Amino acid sequence: MVKWVLNNNKNYKKAAEIYNLNYALIYKWTQTFLKEGEEGLKYKKRGPKFKNEIDKSKLTDTEKLKYELEKEKELRKRLELELEILKKKEAVEKELYTQNYVKKLNTLLSTSSKKKDTL
């Protein structure tokens, strides 16, 4: 479509009619193509990049160190949360074991007292 516009004396209005697109959009794409070539027309994701999408080769030494420090902080936080969860799990299991033990003990005591009563 951009090539058609360029081959037809930049007739944006006619291109808009032919391709059923907005005049401003065709104009923008054509100008982008003239400035950046085909690469400029490729899809570019907007918004913040995820940490794993950062090109580390383009970072300065300071930025690389900050990046590594941030990664280490994230890892430490995740490990601390994991440890906290394991401690809670252990406490719950211990509590359940204790409750179960007390129930069994009470059951044994009550059955032994009933046996004494029947004698």
Foldseek 3Di string as FASTA:
>chain_A
DLVVCVVVVNPLVVVCVVVVHDSVVSVVVNVQCVVPNPVSVDDDDDDDDDLVPDDLVPDDPVVNVVSVVVVVVVVVVVVVVVVVVVVVVVVVVVVVVVVVVVVVVVVVVVVVVVVVVVD
